N, C-alpha and C. Protein backbone atom coordinates (compact mmCIF):
# COMPACT_ATOMS: atom_id res chain seq x y z
N ASN A 1 110.51 82.46 99.32
CA ASN A 1 111.13 82.69 98.03
C ASN A 1 110.61 84.00 97.43
N LEU A 2 111.22 84.42 96.35
CA LEU A 2 110.91 85.71 95.75
C LEU A 2 109.46 85.78 95.27
N GLU A 3 108.95 84.71 94.68
CA GLU A 3 107.57 84.74 94.20
C GLU A 3 106.58 84.95 95.34
N ASP A 4 106.83 84.32 96.48
CA ASP A 4 105.96 84.50 97.64
C ASP A 4 106.00 85.95 98.12
N LEU A 5 107.21 86.50 98.19
CA LEU A 5 107.36 87.89 98.63
C LEU A 5 106.62 88.84 97.70
N ILE A 6 106.77 88.65 96.41
CA ILE A 6 106.08 89.50 95.43
C ILE A 6 104.57 89.34 95.56
N GLY A 7 104.09 88.13 95.79
CA GLY A 7 102.66 87.91 95.99
C GLY A 7 102.14 88.67 97.20
N ILE A 8 102.91 88.66 98.26
CA ILE A 8 102.52 89.40 99.47
C ILE A 8 102.48 90.90 99.18
N ILE A 9 103.53 91.40 98.55
CA ILE A 9 103.61 92.83 98.23
C ILE A 9 102.41 93.26 97.39
N GLN A 10 101.99 92.43 96.45
CA GLN A 10 100.88 92.77 95.58
C GLN A 10 99.54 92.68 96.28
N THR A 11 99.49 91.98 97.40
CA THR A 11 98.23 91.75 98.12
C THR A 11 97.96 92.78 99.21
N VAL A 12 99.01 93.25 99.88
CA VAL A 12 98.82 94.12 101.03
C VAL A 12 98.51 95.55 100.62
N GLU A 13 97.89 96.29 101.52
CA GLU A 13 97.55 97.69 101.27
C GLU A 13 98.69 98.64 101.60
N VAL A 14 99.51 98.26 102.58
CA VAL A 14 100.61 99.10 103.05
C VAL A 14 101.67 98.18 103.65
N VAL A 15 102.93 98.58 103.52
CA VAL A 15 104.04 97.85 104.13
C VAL A 15 104.67 98.78 105.16
N LEU A 16 105.01 98.22 106.32
CA LEU A 16 105.64 98.99 107.38
C LEU A 16 107.13 98.65 107.43
N ASP A 17 107.95 99.66 107.30
CA ASP A 17 109.40 99.48 107.38
C ASP A 17 109.76 99.12 108.82
N THR A 18 110.76 98.29 108.97
CA THR A 18 111.18 97.91 110.32
C THR A 18 112.04 99.01 110.94
N PHE A 19 111.88 99.20 112.23
CA PHE A 19 112.68 100.20 112.94
C PHE A 19 114.13 99.73 113.04
N TYR A 20 115.03 100.66 113.01
CA TYR A 20 116.46 100.48 113.28
C TYR A 20 117.22 99.71 112.20
N PHE A 21 116.53 98.90 111.41
CA PHE A 21 117.21 98.19 110.32
C PHE A 21 116.22 98.14 109.18
N GLY A 22 116.36 99.06 108.24
CA GLY A 22 115.36 99.28 107.20
C GLY A 22 115.25 98.18 106.17
N ALA A 23 114.28 98.36 105.29
CA ALA A 23 113.90 97.36 104.31
C ALA A 23 114.97 97.08 103.26
N GLY A 24 115.80 98.02 102.91
CA GLY A 24 116.87 97.79 101.93
C GLY A 24 116.33 97.33 100.59
N THR A 25 116.78 96.17 100.14
CA THR A 25 116.36 95.63 98.85
C THR A 25 114.85 95.49 98.76
N THR A 26 114.22 95.11 99.85
CA THR A 26 112.77 94.95 99.85
C THR A 26 112.08 96.26 99.52
N ALA A 27 112.64 97.38 99.94
CA ALA A 27 112.04 98.68 99.62
C ALA A 27 111.93 98.87 98.12
N PHE A 28 112.95 98.47 97.38
CA PHE A 28 112.94 98.61 95.93
C PHE A 28 111.83 97.75 95.31
N LEU A 29 111.63 96.55 95.84
CA LEU A 29 110.56 95.69 95.35
C LEU A 29 109.19 96.26 95.68
N VAL A 30 109.02 96.67 96.92
CA VAL A 30 107.73 97.21 97.36
C VAL A 30 107.34 98.42 96.52
N LEU A 31 108.25 99.33 96.33
CA LEU A 31 107.95 100.55 95.59
C LEU A 31 107.73 100.27 94.10
N ALA A 32 108.39 99.27 93.56
CA ALA A 32 108.20 98.93 92.15
C ALA A 32 106.77 98.52 91.86
N PHE A 33 106.08 97.99 92.86
CA PHE A 33 104.69 97.58 92.70
C PHE A 33 103.71 98.67 93.14
N GLY A 34 104.25 99.81 93.57
CA GLY A 34 103.39 100.92 93.96
C GLY A 34 102.78 100.79 95.34
N THR A 35 103.25 99.84 96.10
CA THR A 35 102.71 99.64 97.45
C THR A 35 103.32 100.68 98.39
N PRO A 36 102.49 101.45 99.09
CA PRO A 36 103.04 102.43 100.03
C PRO A 36 103.86 101.75 101.13
N LEU A 37 105.02 102.29 101.40
CA LEU A 37 105.93 101.78 102.42
C LEU A 37 106.13 102.89 103.44
N VAL A 38 105.61 102.72 104.63
CA VAL A 38 105.74 103.73 105.69
C VAL A 38 107.07 103.49 106.38
N THR A 39 107.85 104.55 106.52
CA THR A 39 109.16 104.43 107.13
C THR A 39 109.40 105.54 108.15
N LEU A 40 110.20 105.23 109.13
CA LEU A 40 110.67 106.19 110.12
C LEU A 40 112.19 106.10 110.11
N PRO A 41 112.86 107.04 109.44
CA PRO A 41 114.32 106.94 109.32
C PRO A 41 115.01 106.94 110.68
N SER A 42 115.97 106.04 110.83
CA SER A 42 116.75 106.01 112.07
C SER A 42 117.97 106.91 111.89
N PRO A 43 118.70 107.16 112.98
CA PRO A 43 119.89 107.99 112.84
C PRO A 43 121.04 107.27 112.13
N TYR A 44 120.91 105.97 111.91
CA TYR A 44 121.98 105.18 111.31
C TYR A 44 121.63 104.79 109.87
N ALA A 45 122.65 104.62 109.04
CA ALA A 45 122.44 104.29 107.63
C ALA A 45 121.60 103.03 107.45
N ARG A 46 121.77 102.04 108.29
CA ARG A 46 121.04 100.77 108.14
C ARG A 46 119.52 100.95 108.30
N GLY A 47 119.09 102.05 108.85
CA GLY A 47 117.66 102.30 109.03
C GLY A 47 117.12 103.39 108.12
N ARG A 48 117.81 103.63 107.00
CA ARG A 48 117.40 104.74 106.14
C ARG A 48 117.22 104.38 104.65
N PRO A 49 117.29 103.12 104.24
CA PRO A 49 117.15 102.83 102.81
C PRO A 49 115.84 103.31 102.19
N ALA A 50 114.73 103.06 102.85
CA ALA A 50 113.44 103.48 102.29
C ALA A 50 113.37 105.01 102.21
N HIS A 51 113.88 105.68 103.24
CA HIS A 51 113.92 107.13 103.23
C HIS A 51 114.74 107.62 102.04
N GLY A 52 115.88 106.98 101.79
CA GLY A 52 116.70 107.33 100.64
C GLY A 52 115.96 107.15 99.32
N CYS A 53 115.19 106.08 99.22
CA CYS A 53 114.38 105.85 98.02
C CYS A 53 113.39 106.98 97.83
N TYR A 54 112.68 107.31 98.90
CA TYR A 54 111.69 108.39 98.80
C TYR A 54 112.34 109.73 98.48
N LEU A 55 113.53 109.99 99.02
CA LEU A 55 114.24 111.23 98.68
C LEU A 55 114.56 111.27 97.20
N LYS A 56 115.06 110.16 96.68
CA LYS A 56 115.39 110.08 95.25
C LYS A 56 114.14 110.28 94.39
N MET A 57 113.01 109.78 94.87
CA MET A 57 111.75 109.90 94.14
C MET A 57 111.14 111.29 94.30
N GLY A 58 111.61 112.07 95.26
CA GLY A 58 111.04 113.39 95.52
C GLY A 58 109.67 113.29 96.16
N MET A 59 109.46 112.26 96.95
CA MET A 59 108.16 112.00 97.56
C MET A 59 108.37 111.59 99.02
N LEU A 60 107.95 112.41 99.95
CA LEU A 60 108.17 112.12 101.37
C LEU A 60 106.87 111.86 102.12
N ASP A 61 105.79 111.61 101.41
CA ASP A 61 104.49 111.42 102.04
C ASP A 61 104.43 110.25 103.02
N CYS A 62 105.25 109.24 102.81
CA CYS A 62 105.22 108.04 103.65
C CYS A 62 106.39 107.99 104.64
N VAL A 63 107.08 109.11 104.80
CA VAL A 63 108.21 109.19 105.73
C VAL A 63 107.73 109.89 107.00
N ALA A 64 107.76 109.16 108.11
CA ALA A 64 107.30 109.71 109.39
C ALA A 64 108.42 110.45 110.09
N ARG A 65 108.04 111.45 110.88
CA ARG A 65 109.04 112.20 111.64
C ARG A 65 109.22 111.64 113.05
N ASP A 66 108.25 110.86 113.53
CA ASP A 66 108.34 110.27 114.86
C ASP A 66 107.43 109.04 114.92
N PRO A 67 107.53 108.23 115.97
CA PRO A 67 106.72 107.01 116.05
C PRO A 67 105.21 107.25 115.98
N GLU A 68 104.74 108.35 116.55
CA GLU A 68 103.31 108.65 116.51
C GLU A 68 102.84 108.88 115.07
N GLN A 69 103.61 109.64 114.31
CA GLN A 69 103.23 109.88 112.93
C GLN A 69 103.34 108.59 112.11
N PHE A 70 104.29 107.73 112.44
CA PHE A 70 104.42 106.43 111.77
C PHE A 70 103.11 105.65 111.90
N VAL A 71 102.59 105.59 113.11
CA VAL A 71 101.32 104.89 113.36
C VAL A 71 100.18 105.57 112.61
N ASP A 72 100.11 106.89 112.69
CA ASP A 72 99.04 107.63 112.01
C ASP A 72 99.07 107.39 110.50
N LEU A 73 100.26 107.44 109.91
CA LEU A 73 100.38 107.19 108.47
C LEU A 73 99.95 105.77 108.11
N ALA A 74 100.42 104.81 108.89
CA ALA A 74 100.07 103.41 108.61
C ALA A 74 98.57 103.19 108.67
N VAL A 75 97.93 103.74 109.68
CA VAL A 75 96.48 103.58 109.83
C VAL A 75 95.74 104.29 108.71
N ARG A 76 96.15 105.51 108.40
CA ARG A 76 95.46 106.25 107.34
C ARG A 76 95.59 105.54 105.99
N ILE A 77 96.80 105.11 105.66
CA ILE A 77 97.00 104.44 104.38
C ILE A 77 96.24 103.12 104.34
N GLY A 78 96.21 102.42 105.45
CA GLY A 78 95.50 101.14 105.49
C GLY A 78 93.99 101.25 105.45
N THR A 79 93.45 102.39 105.86
CA THR A 79 91.99 102.51 105.96
C THR A 79 91.36 103.51 105.00
N ASP A 80 92.15 104.38 104.41
CA ASP A 80 91.62 105.43 103.53
C ASP A 80 91.97 105.07 102.08
N ALA A 81 91.07 104.36 101.41
CA ALA A 81 91.34 103.85 100.06
C ALA A 81 91.67 104.95 99.05
N PRO A 82 90.94 106.08 99.00
CA PRO A 82 91.30 107.11 98.03
C PRO A 82 92.71 107.69 98.28
N TYR A 83 93.05 107.89 99.54
CA TYR A 83 94.39 108.41 99.86
C TYR A 83 95.45 107.39 99.44
N ARG A 84 95.20 106.12 99.77
CA ARG A 84 96.13 105.05 99.41
C ARG A 84 96.33 104.99 97.89
N GLU A 85 95.25 105.13 97.14
CA GLU A 85 95.34 105.08 95.68
C GLU A 85 96.13 106.26 95.14
N THR A 86 95.96 107.43 95.75
CA THR A 86 96.75 108.61 95.36
C THR A 86 98.23 108.34 95.59
N LEU A 87 98.56 107.78 96.76
CA LEU A 87 99.96 107.46 97.05
C LEU A 87 100.49 106.42 96.07
N ARG A 88 99.70 105.39 95.84
CA ARG A 88 100.11 104.32 94.92
C ARG A 88 100.45 104.90 93.54
N ASN A 89 99.59 105.78 93.05
CA ASN A 89 99.83 106.40 91.74
C ASN A 89 101.08 107.25 91.74
N ARG A 90 101.29 108.02 92.80
CA ARG A 90 102.49 108.86 92.88
C ARG A 90 103.75 108.01 92.96
N ILE A 91 103.68 106.92 93.70
CA ILE A 91 104.83 106.02 93.80
C ILE A 91 105.15 105.44 92.43
N LEU A 92 104.13 104.96 91.73
CA LEU A 92 104.36 104.38 90.41
C LEU A 92 104.89 105.41 89.41
N GLU A 93 104.44 106.66 89.55
CA GLU A 93 104.91 107.73 88.65
C GLU A 93 106.37 108.11 88.91
N THR A 94 106.84 107.96 90.14
CA THR A 94 108.17 108.45 90.49
C THR A 94 109.20 107.36 90.76
N CYS A 95 108.79 106.12 90.95
CA CYS A 95 109.75 105.08 91.35
C CYS A 95 110.75 104.74 90.25
N GLY A 96 110.45 105.08 89.01
CA GLY A 96 111.39 104.82 87.93
C GLY A 96 112.75 105.45 88.16
N THR A 97 112.77 106.55 88.90
CA THR A 97 114.05 107.20 89.19
C THR A 97 114.99 106.30 89.99
N LEU A 98 114.42 105.31 90.68
CA LEU A 98 115.23 104.39 91.48
C LEU A 98 115.96 103.37 90.61
N TYR A 99 115.42 103.08 89.45
CA TYR A 99 115.91 101.97 88.64
C TYR A 99 116.59 102.40 87.35
N SER A 100 116.55 103.67 87.02
CA SER A 100 117.03 104.09 85.71
C SER A 100 118.17 105.10 85.75
N ASP A 101 118.85 105.21 86.85
CA ASP A 101 119.92 106.19 86.98
C ASP A 101 121.27 105.49 86.88
N PRO A 102 121.92 105.54 85.71
CA PRO A 102 123.21 104.85 85.56
C PRO A 102 124.31 105.43 86.45
N ALA A 103 124.12 106.66 86.92
CA ALA A 103 125.13 107.26 87.79
C ALA A 103 125.27 106.47 89.09
N VAL A 104 124.20 105.89 89.57
CA VAL A 104 124.25 105.09 90.80
C VAL A 104 125.17 103.89 90.60
N VAL A 105 125.03 103.21 89.48
CA VAL A 105 125.87 102.04 89.19
C VAL A 105 127.32 102.47 89.06
N THR A 106 127.57 103.55 88.37
CA THR A 106 128.93 104.05 88.19
C THR A 106 129.56 104.41 89.53
N GLU A 107 128.81 105.10 90.38
CA GLU A 107 129.32 105.48 91.70
C GLU A 107 129.62 104.25 92.54
N PHE A 108 128.70 103.28 92.53
CA PHE A 108 128.89 102.07 93.33
C PHE A 108 130.10 101.28 92.84
N ALA A 109 130.27 101.16 91.54
CA ALA A 109 131.42 100.46 90.98
C ALA A 109 132.72 101.15 91.39
N ALA A 110 132.74 102.48 91.34
CA ALA A 110 133.93 103.23 91.74
C ALA A 110 134.23 103.00 93.22
N PHE A 111 133.19 103.00 94.04
CA PHE A 111 133.37 102.73 95.47
C PHE A 111 133.98 101.34 95.68
N LEU A 112 133.44 100.34 94.99
CA LEU A 112 133.96 98.97 95.14
C LEU A 112 135.42 98.89 94.71
N ARG A 113 135.77 99.58 93.64
CA ARG A 113 137.17 99.59 93.19
C ARG A 113 138.08 100.22 94.27
N ARG A 114 137.64 101.36 94.82
CA ARG A 114 138.43 102.02 95.86
C ARG A 114 138.56 101.14 97.10
N ALA A 115 137.46 100.50 97.48
CA ALA A 115 137.47 99.67 98.69
C ALA A 115 138.31 98.41 98.49
N THR A 116 138.30 97.88 97.28
CA THR A 116 139.03 96.65 96.99
C THR A 116 140.50 96.93 96.71
N TYR A 117 140.77 98.01 96.00
CA TYR A 117 142.13 98.37 95.60
C TYR A 117 142.42 99.80 96.05
N PRO A 118 142.67 100.00 97.36
CA PRO A 118 142.85 101.37 97.88
C PRO A 118 143.94 102.16 97.17
N GLY A 119 144.96 101.51 96.67
CA GLY A 119 146.05 102.22 96.01
C GLY A 119 145.77 102.51 94.54
N GLY A 120 144.63 102.09 94.08
CA GLY A 120 144.28 102.28 92.67
C GLY A 120 144.46 100.99 91.88
N ARG A 121 143.95 101.01 90.70
CA ARG A 121 144.07 99.87 89.80
C ARG A 121 143.05 99.96 88.73
C-alpha cells in the first residue's frame, strides 16, 4: 500500500530506477522526499520518466550515461553520506518544479481531448 511505499522511500539512502521500464509515478514520490533516484535512461519513453523529472528539475547528477556509471553512482550515493546529503538538498530545492507547473496539466488535458475526440469537441 501507499503508506508502506512511503515508509520505504523515507528509510532508504538511494533508490535505483529499473532498467527498460522506469519508475514513472514512483519517481515523483521518491523525489518529493528528497531521496536520490539513480536512473539510466533507455531509448524508449517507458524507460525515461525519472530522466524527464531530472531534466525538468535542471539536475542530472543522478542520471547515468551507461551501466557502469549507474553502478558507480549507486555505490557512491549509498556510501558517501556528505555527497548523498548534498544531492538530497538539491533534490528538495528543485523538485517543486515537478508539482507546480499548471502548463503540464493543461497540455495533458489537451492531449486527452485530442486522443478522445480526434475531430475536435
